[in-house]
Amino acid sequence: MDLSLVKNFADVIDLGAAALGDRDMIVLGDDRLSWNDIQARAGQTANALAADGVVSQDRVAFIDKNSIEYFELAFGAAYLNAVTVAVNWRLAPPEMAYIVNDSQAKVLVIHEEFAEQLATFEADLTHVERIVVIGSAGDHVSYDEWRDAHGSDCERLPVADDDVCSQLYTSGTTGLPKGAQITNANFQALFDTVDWDMDENSRNLCVMPLFHIAGSGWAQFGMANGATTIMMREFDPVAGLQIVEAEATTHAIFVPAILQFFLMVPSEGVDLSSMQYIAYGASPITEDVLVKSMEQFGCNYFQVYGMTETTGGGTTLPPEDHGGDADPKLLRSAGKPIRGMEMKIVEPETGEEVADGEVGEVWMRHGGVMKGYWNMPEETAKALPGDGWLRSGDLAYMEDGYLYIHDRVKDMIISGGENVYPAEVENALMSHEGIADVAVIGVPDEKWGEVGKALVIPVADSGVTADEILVHAREHLAGFKCPKTVDFVEAIPRNPSGKILKRELREPYWEGHERRVS
């Protein structure tokens, strides 16, 4: 396929079907659907959405693990110039409801596996006019019935480069998730500036969740190149290695935790020789895990550094900088900016650019930078200071053109590739009557890179225990957001304006670590 002709998601499926027809487009377990199959289903889905009143730039929400239905919905929405909102299925019901309501989605597609969550928040939905259930529908229409009630011929509505095609939510520093609006032009920029050597003969493994840019964005990139997408509904390391062999996968993107899981399960006798390229990123990786993983798969490795807000693009450390005659120090870097990416390191408070080797905040300017946060003008203004620049919130330095991540300006914790904002966790914990004050910080963890720790000042004579606090957290937050440990403290340091001095709290736990991220 000619990437220069791909201007939006509708082009991906139409050009792909015209060029590749009955060849496999998506493989998930025993299901194999061709490009023609998905195009027909996308047309049916578009007509179903239109019948429910969805028009250009309306939002359509989706809650499920990795599934073929997601792409039917995404391409169907693209025909109408509507916007898909993939919701993190790991969230607690109130968090799911917040995102569906905030996006003002007219239609919610949800899997029967999340029927219990739906029952919890359905009455709180404010804009949804149709709920469609994949599987047993109960009081609602089933997805198959909803889709199959319509023919595949549909009207393709006009699309502009600046129109939003995907809205992915990131955790917010204020405790509220933010909807990053990704446009057609953003994806065009990604397609134009990233080269992972994919074509119609590639078999692209997609195991990252589709609510991540590394899930849906990676899959769409492969599809735009004509690659067959091999999916896993939910990641399992043993099954993952078996799929590489059985489906002769050639490309994949993993977070470091997944590479570590692969190293922990038996792989002797499994043929991994089909793999050509592995991209890894989303959180820091130890040199030990990286080197052993390279030995396990024996293929080309790319490190990638980016954000949802940059459509996943940022820097890349190419295969030639991994091993061989390359300087071993480069494995500690995040690589060089991708083609077309402008990057500068600035003093966070003043915005003044710093010299090479000095630590500052990473600012990026590229065609992949988001349109802004949905209905959050103040947060958008903070993230986009002007002239096309995006503030990353990461502290780093540049040396010989390579970026070295040092710390984070924001308090965000990255645990196993998932972004966790302490403010959100602190707000949930403070609803416990036995907690007088709390601060949540990230501490090193060999398995997940870092995990949350709650530092709690208990209410006097409350008798609250660490176990009670952790149970309370699990009742109000997704599992990956919950702190793993609780320490009781006598005081929490704050500056004159009342802001918790997180760096001061973190310092003892990160002593001896060169970088303040794991």
Protein backbone atom coordinates (compact mmCIF):
# COMPACT_ATOMS: atom_id res chain seq x y z
CA MET A 1 0.00 0.00 0.00
CA ASP A 2 1.10 3.55 -0.73
CA LEU A 3 1.22 5.39 2.62
CA SER A 4 1.16 8.76 0.85
CA LEU A 5 -2.44 8.04 -0.18
CA VAL A 6 -3.60 7.34 3.39
CA LYS A 7 -5.17 10.49 4.81
CA ASN A 8 -7.53 8.98 7.40
CA PHE A 9 -8.75 5.68 8.84
CA ALA A 10 -11.36 5.25 6.12
CA ASP A 11 -8.54 5.31 3.56
CA VAL A 12 -6.77 2.54 5.46
CA ILE A 13 -9.62 0.08 5.03
CA ASP A 14 -10.71 1.17 1.54
CA LEU A 15 -7.24 1.19 0.02
CA GLY A 16 -6.37 -2.03 1.85
CA ALA A 17 -9.46 -3.84 0.63
CA ALA A 18 -8.85 -2.67 -2.94
CA ALA A 19 -5.24 -3.86 -2.88
CA LEU A 20 -5.41 -6.95 -0.66
CA GLY A 21 -9.02 -8.13 -0.86
CA ASP A 22 -9.36 -11.64 0.54
CA ARG A 23 -5.98 -11.75 2.27
CA ASP A 24 -6.04 -11.95 6.06
CA MET A 25 -6.34 -8.55 7.68
CA ILE A 26 -6.92 -9.50 11.34
CA VAL A 27 -6.26 -12.78 13.13
CA LEU A 28 -7.54 -13.29 16.68
CA GLY A 29 -7.52 -16.85 17.98
CA ASP A 30 -9.48 -18.99 15.52
CA ASP A 31 -11.03 -15.95 13.82
CA ARG A 32 -9.48 -14.79 10.55
CA LEU A 33 -11.08 -11.89 8.73
CA SER A 34 -9.98 -10.55 5.36
CA TRP A 35 -9.72 -6.94 4.26
CA ASN A 36 -12.96 -7.41 2.35
CA ASP A 37 -14.63 -8.84 5.46
CA ILE A 38 -13.64 -5.91 7.66
CA GLN A 39 -14.59 -3.36 4.98
CA ALA A 40 -18.07 -4.90 4.70
CA ARG A 41 -18.52 -4.99 8.47
CA ALA A 42 -17.27 -1.40 8.76
CA GLY A 43 -19.93 -0.33 6.27
CA GLN A 44 -22.61 -2.13 8.26
CA THR A 45 -21.34 -0.55 11.48
CA ALA A 46 -21.33 2.91 9.90
CA ASN A 47 -24.97 2.47 8.90
CA ALA A 48 -25.86 1.23 12.40
CA LEU A 49 -24.17 4.27 13.96
CA ALA A 50 -25.91 6.61 11.54
CA ALA A 51 -29.27 5.02 12.37
CA ASP A 52 -28.56 5.86 16.03
CA GLY A 53 -27.97 9.50 15.14
CA VAL A 54 -24.18 9.56 15.05
CA VAL A 55 -22.91 12.37 12.80
CA SER A 56 -19.58 13.94 11.92
CA GLN A 57 -17.26 14.40 14.96
CA ASP A 58 -19.64 12.68 17.38
CA ARG A 59 -17.93 10.38 19.88
CA VAL A 60 -18.49 6.62 20.08
CA ALA A 61 -17.23 4.81 23.21
CA PHE A 62 -15.87 1.28 23.34
CA ILE A 63 -15.18 -0.88 26.42
CA ASP A 64 -13.61 -4.27 25.78
CA LYS A 65 -10.34 -6.10 25.70
CA ASN A 66 -8.60 -6.42 22.33
CA SER A 67 -11.20 -7.51 19.80
CA ILE A 68 -12.02 -7.44 16.11
CA GLU A 69 -15.17 -5.45 16.88
CA TYR A 70 -13.01 -2.49 17.86
CA PHE A 71 -11.68 -2.15 14.33
CA GLU A 72 -15.09 -2.66 12.78
CA LEU A 73 -16.27 0.22 14.95
CA ALA A 74 -13.20 2.38 14.31
CA PHE A 75 -13.46 2.06 10.53
CA GLY A 76 -17.24 2.40 10.62
CA ALA A 77 -16.91 5.59 12.65
CA ALA A 78 -14.28 6.81 10.19
CA TYR A 79 -16.79 6.52 7.32
CA LEU A 80 -18.99 8.96 9.26
CA ASN A 81 -16.05 11.14 10.33
CA ALA A 82 -16.94 10.22 13.92
CA VAL A 83 -14.46 9.69 16.76
CA THR A 84 -13.69 6.43 18.58
CA VAL A 85 -13.09 6.58 22.32
CA ALA A 86 -11.48 3.37 23.58
CA VAL A 87 -11.99 3.23 27.35
CA ASN A 88 -9.54 1.48 29.64
CA TRP A 89 -11.36 -1.73 30.59
CA ARG A 90 -9.29 -2.04 33.77
CA LEU A 91 -10.88 1.05 35.29
CA ALA A 92 -13.32 1.01 38.15
CA PRO A 93 -16.97 1.63 37.14
CA PRO A 94 -17.04 5.31 38.22
CA GLU A 95 -13.90 5.92 36.16
CA MET A 96 -15.42 4.26 33.11
CA ALA A 97 -18.58 6.35 33.50
CA TYR A 98 -16.58 9.55 33.81
CA ILE A 99 -14.82 8.99 30.48
CA VAL A 100 -17.99 7.95 28.63
CA ASN A 101 -19.80 11.01 29.97
CA ASP A 102 -16.91 13.39 29.45
CA SER A 103 -16.56 12.32 25.82
CA GLN A 104 -20.31 12.90 25.33
CA ALA A 105 -20.50 9.60 23.47
CA LYS A 106 -23.85 8.89 21.81
CA VAL A 107 -23.22 5.17 21.46
CA LEU A 108 -21.45 2.82 23.89
CA VAL A 109 -20.25 -0.58 22.69
CA ILE A 110 -19.32 -2.83 25.62
CA HIS A 111 -18.50 -6.51 26.03
CA GLU A 112 -20.68 -8.79 28.16
CA GLU A 113 -17.61 -9.45 30.30
CA PHE A 114 -18.16 -5.96 31.74
CA ALA A 115 -21.89 -6.36 32.39
CA GLU A 116 -21.38 -5.96 36.14
CA GLN A 117 -19.56 -2.66 35.65
CA LEU A 118 -22.21 -1.49 33.21
CA ALA A 119 -24.98 -2.25 35.69
CA THR A 120 -23.13 -0.11 38.23
CA PHE A 121 -22.85 3.03 36.10
CA GLU A 122 -25.55 2.76 33.43
CA ALA A 123 -27.97 4.99 35.32
CA ASP A 124 -25.29 7.68 35.53
CA LEU A 125 -24.70 7.97 31.77
CA THR A 126 -25.62 11.44 30.54
CA HIS A 127 -25.26 11.41 26.73
CA VAL A 128 -25.43 7.76 25.63
CA GLU A 129 -28.51 7.05 23.52
CA ARG A 130 -27.65 3.47 22.57
CA ILE A 131 -25.85 0.70 24.47
CA VAL A 132 -24.65 -2.21 22.33
CA VAL A 133 -23.35 -5.37 24.01
CA ILE A 134 -20.85 -7.75 22.44
CA GLY A 135 -22.13 -11.20 23.42
CA SER A 136 -25.18 -11.80 25.60
CA ALA A 137 -27.00 -8.47 25.56
CA GLY A 138 -29.59 -8.80 28.32
CA ASP A 139 -31.85 -5.73 28.08
CA HIS A 140 -29.75 -4.22 25.29
CA VAL A 141 -29.20 -5.02 21.64
CA SER A 142 -26.42 -7.44 20.82
CA TYR A 143 -23.56 -6.15 18.72
CA ASP A 144 -24.05 -8.76 15.96
CA GLU A 145 -27.77 -8.03 15.73
CA TRP A 146 -27.15 -4.27 15.75
CA ARG A 147 -24.50 -4.46 13.02
CA ASP A 148 -26.16 -7.11 10.85
CA ALA A 149 -29.45 -5.22 10.69
CA HIS A 150 -27.80 -3.02 8.05
CA GLY A 151 -26.22 -3.45 4.64
CA SER A 152 -22.56 -2.77 3.90
CA ASP A 153 -23.00 0.02 1.35
CA CYS A 154 -22.65 3.32 3.19
CA GLU A 155 -22.12 6.99 2.51
CA ARG A 156 -18.61 8.16 3.26
CA LEU A 157 -18.80 11.64 4.80
CA PRO A 158 -16.24 14.40 4.03
CA VAL A 159 -13.14 14.44 6.22
CA ALA A 160 -10.71 17.27 7.05
CA ASP A 161 -7.11 16.89 8.16
CA ASP A 162 -7.85 18.76 11.39
CA ASP A 163 -10.82 16.57 12.27
CA VAL A 164 -10.38 14.30 15.31
CA CYS A 165 -10.40 10.55 14.59
CA SER A 166 -9.37 9.09 17.95
CA GLN A 167 -9.73 10.33 21.52
CA LEU A 168 -7.49 8.51 23.99
CA TYR A 169 -7.68 9.33 27.67
CA THR A 170 -4.64 9.90 29.84
CA SER A 171 -4.68 10.24 33.61
CA GLY A 172 -4.85 13.83 34.76
CA THR A 173 -2.61 15.65 37.22
CA THR A 174 -5.79 17.08 38.76
CA GLY A 175 -7.22 13.61 39.27
CA LEU A 176 -9.44 13.72 36.18
CA PRO A 177 -8.53 11.85 32.96
CA LYS A 178 -7.88 14.03 29.92
CA GLY A 179 -9.08 13.17 26.41
CA ALA A 180 -6.18 13.68 23.99
CA GLN A 181 -7.68 14.55 20.61
CA ILE A 182 -5.72 12.85 17.82
CA THR A 183 -6.47 14.14 14.33
CA ASN A 184 -6.18 12.73 10.84
CA ALA A 185 -3.22 15.02 10.29
CA ASN A 186 -1.55 13.64 13.43
CA PHE A 187 -1.69 10.10 12.05
CA GLN A 188 -0.53 11.31 8.63
CA ALA A 189 2.54 12.79 10.31
CA LEU A 190 3.22 9.53 12.14
CA PHE A 191 2.87 7.52 8.92
CA ASP A 192 5.16 9.95 7.09
CA THR A 193 7.96 10.12 9.64
CA VAL A 194 8.25 6.65 11.21
CA ASP A 195 9.80 3.74 9.32
CA TRP A 196 9.57 0.27 10.81
CA ASP A 197 9.93 -1.52 7.48
CA MET A 198 6.40 -2.92 7.28
CA ASP A 199 4.57 -3.94 4.12
CA GLU A 200 1.79 -6.27 2.98
CA ASN A 201 4.00 -9.28 3.78
CA SER A 202 4.46 -8.24 7.41
CA ARG A 203 2.60 -9.93 10.25
CA ASN A 204 2.20 -7.39 13.02
CA LEU A 205 1.63 -8.64 16.59
CA CYS A 206 -0.73 -6.47 18.63
CA VAL A 207 -0.85 -7.39 22.32
CA MET A 208 -0.94 -3.93 23.90
CA PRO A 209 -4.45 -2.83 24.94
CA LEU A 210 -6.29 -0.84 22.29
CA PHE A 211 -6.98 2.07 24.66
CA HIS A 212 -3.20 2.71 24.45
CA ILE A 213 -1.59 4.49 21.51
CA ALA A 214 0.83 1.53 21.52
CA GLY A 215 -2.16 -0.73 20.95
CA SER A 216 -4.59 0.93 18.55
CA GLY A 217 -1.99 3.29 17.07
CA TRP A 218 0.52 0.52 16.45
CA ALA A 219 -2.13 -1.66 14.82
CA GLN A 220 -3.35 1.19 12.61
CA PHE A 221 0.23 1.91 11.53
CA GLY A 222 0.66 -1.71 10.48
CA MET A 223 -2.69 -1.75 8.70
CA ALA A 224 -1.81 1.44 6.81
CA ASN A 225 1.23 -0.43 5.51
CA GLY A 226 -0.88 -3.43 4.50
CA ALA A 227 0.37 -5.71 7.27
CA THR A 228 -1.72 -8.52 8.72
CA THR A 229 -2.57 -7.80 12.36
CA ILE A 230 -2.18 -10.74 14.76
CA MET A 231 -4.03 -9.94 17.97
CA MET A 232 -4.23 -11.29 21.50
CA ARG A 233 -7.37 -10.51 23.46
CA GLU A 234 -5.30 -10.26 26.61
CA PHE A 235 -1.56 -10.72 26.99
CA ASP A 236 -0.21 -14.04 28.21
CA PRO A 237 3.56 -14.63 27.87
CA VAL A 238 3.40 -18.37 27.14
CA ALA A 239 0.65 -17.95 24.55
CA GLY A 240 2.45 -14.91 23.16
CA LEU A 241 5.60 -16.87 22.35
CA GLN A 242 3.51 -19.66 20.82
CA ILE A 243 1.69 -17.15 18.61
CA VAL A 244 4.98 -15.75 17.34
CA GLU A 245 5.85 -19.23 16.11
CA ALA A 246 2.41 -20.32 14.91
CA GLU A 247 1.62 -17.11 13.03
CA ALA A 248 5.20 -16.30 11.95
CA THR A 249 4.88 -12.77 13.28
CA THR A 250 7.46 -10.28 12.06
CA HIS A 251 6.82 -7.06 14.01
CA ALA A 252 5.67 -6.19 17.53
CA ILE A 253 5.72 -3.46 20.14
CA PHE A 254 6.08 -4.31 23.83
CA VAL A 255 6.48 -2.47 27.09
CA PRO A 256 9.55 -3.57 29.09
CA ALA A 257 7.40 -5.52 31.56
CA ILE A 258 6.24 -7.78 28.71
CA LEU A 259 9.81 -8.42 27.58
CA GLN A 260 10.60 -9.36 31.17
CA PHE A 261 7.62 -11.73 31.34
CA PHE A 262 8.83 -13.46 28.17
CA LEU A 263 12.17 -14.06 29.87
CA MET A 264 10.42 -15.66 32.86
CA VAL A 265 8.63 -18.42 30.91
CA PRO A 266 10.14 -21.39 29.07
CA SER A 267 10.99 -20.59 25.45
CA GLU A 268 13.26 -23.51 24.61
CA GLY A 269 12.07 -25.21 21.47
CA VAL A 270 9.85 -22.29 20.44
CA ASP A 271 10.83 -20.95 17.01
CA LEU A 272 11.04 -17.16 17.25
CA SER A 273 13.07 -16.72 14.08
CA SER A 274 10.24 -15.08 12.12
CA MET A 275 10.47 -11.93 14.24
CA GLN A 276 12.25 -9.12 12.41
CA TYR A 277 11.61 -5.98 14.47
CA ILE A 278 10.62 -5.35 18.07
CA ALA A 279 9.83 -1.85 19.24
CA TYR A 280 9.82 -1.25 22.98
CA GLY A 281 8.98 1.75 25.12
CA ALA A 282 6.32 3.42 27.32
CA SER A 283 8.50 2.98 30.41
CA PRO A 284 12.22 2.65 31.20
CA ILE A 285 13.97 -0.69 30.76
CA THR A 286 16.97 -2.15 32.55
CA GLU A 287 20.00 -3.04 30.46
CA ASP A 288 19.89 -6.59 31.82
CA VAL A 289 16.32 -7.19 30.57
CA LEU A 290 17.08 -5.56 27.22
CA VAL A 291 20.23 -7.55 26.52
CA LYS A 292 18.64 -10.86 27.52
CA SER A 293 15.54 -10.08 25.45
CA MET A 294 17.68 -9.33 22.41
CA GLU A 295 19.32 -12.71 22.87
CA GLN A 296 15.93 -14.41 23.22
CA PHE A 297 14.42 -13.06 19.99
CA GLY A 298 17.60 -12.40 18.00
CA CYS A 299 16.03 -9.65 15.86
CA ASN A 300 16.27 -5.90 15.34
CA TYR A 301 15.25 -3.75 18.30
CA PHE A 302 13.95 -0.16 18.32
CA GLN A 303 13.48 1.83 21.48
CA VAL A 304 10.70 4.41 21.19
CA TYR A 305 9.94 7.37 23.42
CA GLY A 306 6.76 9.32 22.92
CA MET A 307 3.38 10.19 24.36
CA THR A 308 -0.27 9.77 23.57
CA GLU A 309 -0.21 13.53 23.00
CA THR A 310 2.36 13.08 20.19
CA THR A 311 0.47 10.15 18.62
CA GLY A 312 3.22 7.96 20.04
CA GLY A 313 6.07 9.63 18.16
CA GLY A 314 9.13 11.20 19.77
CA THR A 315 12.53 9.57 19.60
CA THR A 316 13.84 6.21 18.50
CA LEU A 317 16.98 4.25 19.22
CA PRO A 318 17.51 2.22 16.03
CA PRO A 319 18.84 -1.34 15.73
CA GLU A 320 22.37 -0.19 14.87
CA ASP A 321 22.63 1.37 18.35
CA HIS A 322 21.79 -1.93 20.05
CA GLY A 323 24.87 -4.06 20.65
CA GLY A 324 27.61 -4.79 18.13
CA ASP A 325 30.07 -1.92 17.79
CA ALA A 326 27.66 0.61 19.29
CA ASP A 327 28.58 2.47 22.46
CA PRO A 328 26.94 0.52 25.35
CA LYS A 329 26.00 3.86 26.89
CA LEU A 330 23.45 4.38 24.12
CA LEU A 331 21.27 1.62 25.58
CA ARG A 332 20.58 4.02 28.46
CA SER A 333 19.34 6.67 26.05
CA ALA A 334 15.94 7.07 24.42
CA GLY A 335 17.55 7.60 21.03
CA LYS A 336 17.35 10.52 18.62
CA PRO A 337 14.28 12.51 17.53
CA ILE A 338 12.34 10.89 14.70
CA ARG A 339 12.40 12.51 11.28
CA GLY A 340 10.56 15.83 11.38
CA MET A 341 10.54 15.99 15.18
CA GLU A 342 11.89 19.20 16.71
CA MET A 343 12.99 18.76 20.29
CA LYS A 344 14.50 21.09 22.83
CA ILE A 345 15.41 20.91 26.50
CA VAL A 346 14.23 23.91 28.50
CA GLU A 347 14.28 25.22 32.05
CA PRO A 348 10.78 24.20 33.23
CA GLU A 349 9.91 27.47 34.97
CA THR A 350 11.20 29.93 32.36
CA GLY A 351 11.01 27.98 29.13
CA GLU A 352 14.59 29.01 28.30
CA GLU A 353 16.57 26.42 26.36
CA VAL A 354 19.47 24.84 28.29
CA ALA A 355 22.86 23.72 27.01
CA ASP A 356 23.65 20.14 25.97
CA GLY A 357 24.26 17.94 28.98
CA GLU A 358 22.07 20.06 31.26
CA VAL A 359 18.84 18.64 32.61
CA GLY A 360 15.59 20.35 31.67
CA GLU A 361 12.08 19.62 30.45
CA VAL A 362 11.59 17.98 27.05
CA TRP A 363 9.55 20.07 24.61
CA MET A 364 8.48 18.61 21.27
CA ARG A 365 7.13 20.04 18.01
CA HIS A 366 5.89 17.74 15.27
CA GLY A 367 2.90 17.10 13.05
CA GLY A 368 1.86 14.35 15.45
CA VAL A 369 1.21 16.74 18.36
CA MET A 370 -2.43 16.47 19.43
CA LYS A 371 -5.10 19.05 18.76
CA GLY A 372 -5.59 19.51 22.49
CA TYR A 373 -7.46 18.01 25.42
CA TRP A 374 -11.20 17.58 24.94
CA ASN A 375 -13.13 20.30 26.78
CA MET A 376 -10.12 21.20 28.96
CA PRO A 377 -8.85 24.58 27.71
CA GLU A 378 -6.73 25.28 30.80
CA GLU A 379 -4.99 21.89 30.64
CA THR A 380 -4.51 22.33 26.90
CA ALA A 381 -2.90 25.72 27.44
CA LYS A 382 -0.50 24.21 29.98
CA ALA A 383 0.51 21.39 27.65
CA LEU A 384 0.65 23.48 24.46
CA PRO A 385 2.43 26.74 25.34
CA GLY A 386 2.30 27.99 21.76
CA ASP A 387 4.00 27.93 18.38
CA GLY A 388 3.30 24.20 18.00
CA TRP A 389 5.31 23.08 21.05
CA LEU A 390 4.20 20.40 23.50
CA ARG A 391 5.48 20.22 27.07
CA SER A 392 6.25 16.59 27.86
CA GLY A 393 6.57 16.88 31.63
CA ASP A 394 9.74 14.76 31.42
CA LEU A 395 13.15 15.90 32.62
CA ALA A 396 16.06 14.87 30.40
CA TYR A 397 19.27 16.02 28.78
CA MET A 398 20.67 15.82 25.28
CA GLU A 399 24.15 14.53 24.50
CA ASP A 400 25.50 14.07 20.96
CA GLY A 401 21.97 14.24 19.65
CA TYR A 402 20.68 11.46 21.95
CA LEU A 403 18.01 12.00 24.57
CA TYR A 404 18.59 10.71 28.10
CA ILE A 405 15.51 10.65 30.35
CA HIS A 406 16.37 11.72 33.88
CA ASP A 407 13.20 12.33 35.86
CA ARG A 408 9.68 13.73 35.52
CA VAL A 409 8.46 17.25 36.08
CA LYS A 410 5.03 15.88 36.80
CA ASP A 411 4.42 13.47 39.61
CA MET A 412 3.30 10.74 37.23
CA ILE A 413 4.21 7.14 38.06
CA ILE A 414 4.77 4.74 35.15
CA SER A 415 4.09 1.22 36.37
CA GLY A 416 4.44 -1.53 33.78
CA GLY A 417 3.79 0.98 31.00
CA GLU A 418 0.63 2.35 32.65
CA ASN A 419 0.47 6.03 33.62
CA VAL A 420 -0.67 6.64 37.20
CA TYR A 421 -1.14 10.15 38.60
CA PRO A 422 -0.75 10.38 42.39
CA ALA A 423 -3.37 13.15 42.69
CA GLU A 424 -6.07 10.77 41.48
CA VAL A 425 -4.96 8.05 43.90
CA GLU A 426 -4.66 10.52 46.79
CA ASN A 427 -8.19 11.79 46.16
CA ALA A 428 -9.54 8.24 46.36
CA LEU A 429 -7.60 7.39 49.51
CA MET A 430 -8.67 10.58 51.29
CA SER A 431 -12.26 9.35 51.19
CA HIS A 432 -11.28 6.78 53.85
CA GLU A 433 -12.34 8.07 57.24
CA GLY A 434 -9.18 6.75 58.87
CA ILE A 435 -6.80 8.84 56.73
CA ALA A 436 -5.91 12.37 57.84
CA ASP A 437 -3.44 13.07 55.04
CA VAL A 438 -1.71 11.10 52.31
CA ALA A 439 0.96 11.40 49.64
CA VAL A 440 1.48 8.83 46.90
CA ILE A 441 4.89 8.42 45.29
CA GLY A 442 6.55 6.03 42.87
CA VAL A 443 9.21 3.72 44.26
CA PRO A 444 11.51 1.29 42.40
CA ASP A 445 10.20 -2.17 41.56
CA GLU A 446 12.14 -4.89 39.73
CA LYS A 447 9.05 -6.27 37.99
CA TRP A 448 7.06 -3.14 37.07
CA GLY A 449 9.78 -0.47 36.92
CA GLU A 450 8.09 1.46 39.68
CA VAL A 451 4.95 1.09 41.77
CA GLY A 452 2.92 3.35 43.99
CA LYS A 453 3.54 3.73 47.71
CA ALA A 454 1.08 5.56 49.96
CA LEU A 455 2.57 7.59 52.80
CA VAL A 456 -0.30 8.00 55.25
CA ILE A 457 -0.93 10.13 58.30
CA PRO A 458 -3.72 8.22 60.09
CA VAL A 459 -6.55 9.83 62.02
CA ALA A 460 -5.65 9.70 65.69
CA ASP A 461 -6.91 6.55 67.42
CA SER A 462 -8.56 5.33 64.20
CA GLY A 463 -6.65 2.06 64.26
CA VAL A 464 -6.67 1.99 60.46
CA THR A 465 -4.36 -0.65 58.98
CA ALA A 466 -2.38 -0.80 55.77
CA ASP A 467 -4.50 -3.72 54.55
CA GLU A 468 -7.70 -1.74 55.09
CA ILE A 469 -6.29 1.13 53.05
CA LEU A 470 -5.30 -1.16 50.19
CA VAL A 471 -8.76 -2.75 50.16
CA HIS A 472 -10.31 0.72 50.08
CA ALA A 473 -8.07 1.66 47.13
CA ARG A 474 -9.11 -1.42 45.16
CA GLU A 475 -12.78 -0.53 45.69
CA HIS A 476 -12.32 2.91 44.15
CA LEU A 477 -9.53 2.55 41.60
CA ALA A 478 -8.34 0.31 38.81
CA GLY A 479 -5.88 -2.28 40.09
CA PHE A 480 -2.86 -0.82 38.32
CA LYS A 481 -3.48 2.55 40.01
CA CYS A 482 -3.61 1.16 43.53
CA PRO A 483 -0.55 1.60 45.72
CA LYS A 484 1.22 -1.66 46.43
CA THR A 485 2.40 -0.68 49.91
CA VAL A 486 1.45 1.72 52.70
CA ASP A 487 3.82 3.41 55.13
CA PHE A 488 2.52 5.38 58.11
CA VAL A 489 4.30 8.71 58.68
CA GLU A 490 4.08 11.55 61.18
CA ALA A 491 4.30 14.40 58.67
CA ILE A 492 4.15 15.10 54.94
CA PRO A 493 6.43 17.93 53.77
CA ARG A 494 4.79 20.76 51.81
CA ASN A 495 5.93 24.05 50.33
CA PRO A 496 4.43 27.41 51.46
CA SER A 497 1.58 27.08 48.96
CA GLY A 498 0.68 23.65 50.32
CA LYS A 499 2.05 21.54 47.48
CA ILE A 500 3.47 18.21 48.62
CA LEU A 501 7.23 18.00 48.14
CA LYS A 502 7.14 14.71 46.25
CA ARG A 503 10.79 14.77 45.25
CA GLU A 504 11.81 15.04 48.90
CA LEU A 505 9.60 12.06 49.75
CA ARG A 506 10.91 9.96 46.88
CA GLU A 507 14.60 10.59 47.46
CA PRO A 508 15.27 7.92 50.14
CA TYR A 509 13.67 5.21 48.01
CA TRP A 510 15.64 6.13 44.88
CA GLU A 511 19.02 6.53 46.59
CA GLY A 512 21.70 4.85 44.52
CA HIS A 513 19.70 5.05 41.28
CA GLU A 514 21.35 7.12 38.54
CA ARG A 515 17.95 8.09 37.16
CA ARG A 516 14.91 8.90 39.25
CA VAL A 517 12.84 6.66 37.02
CA SER A 518 13.38 2.93 36.98
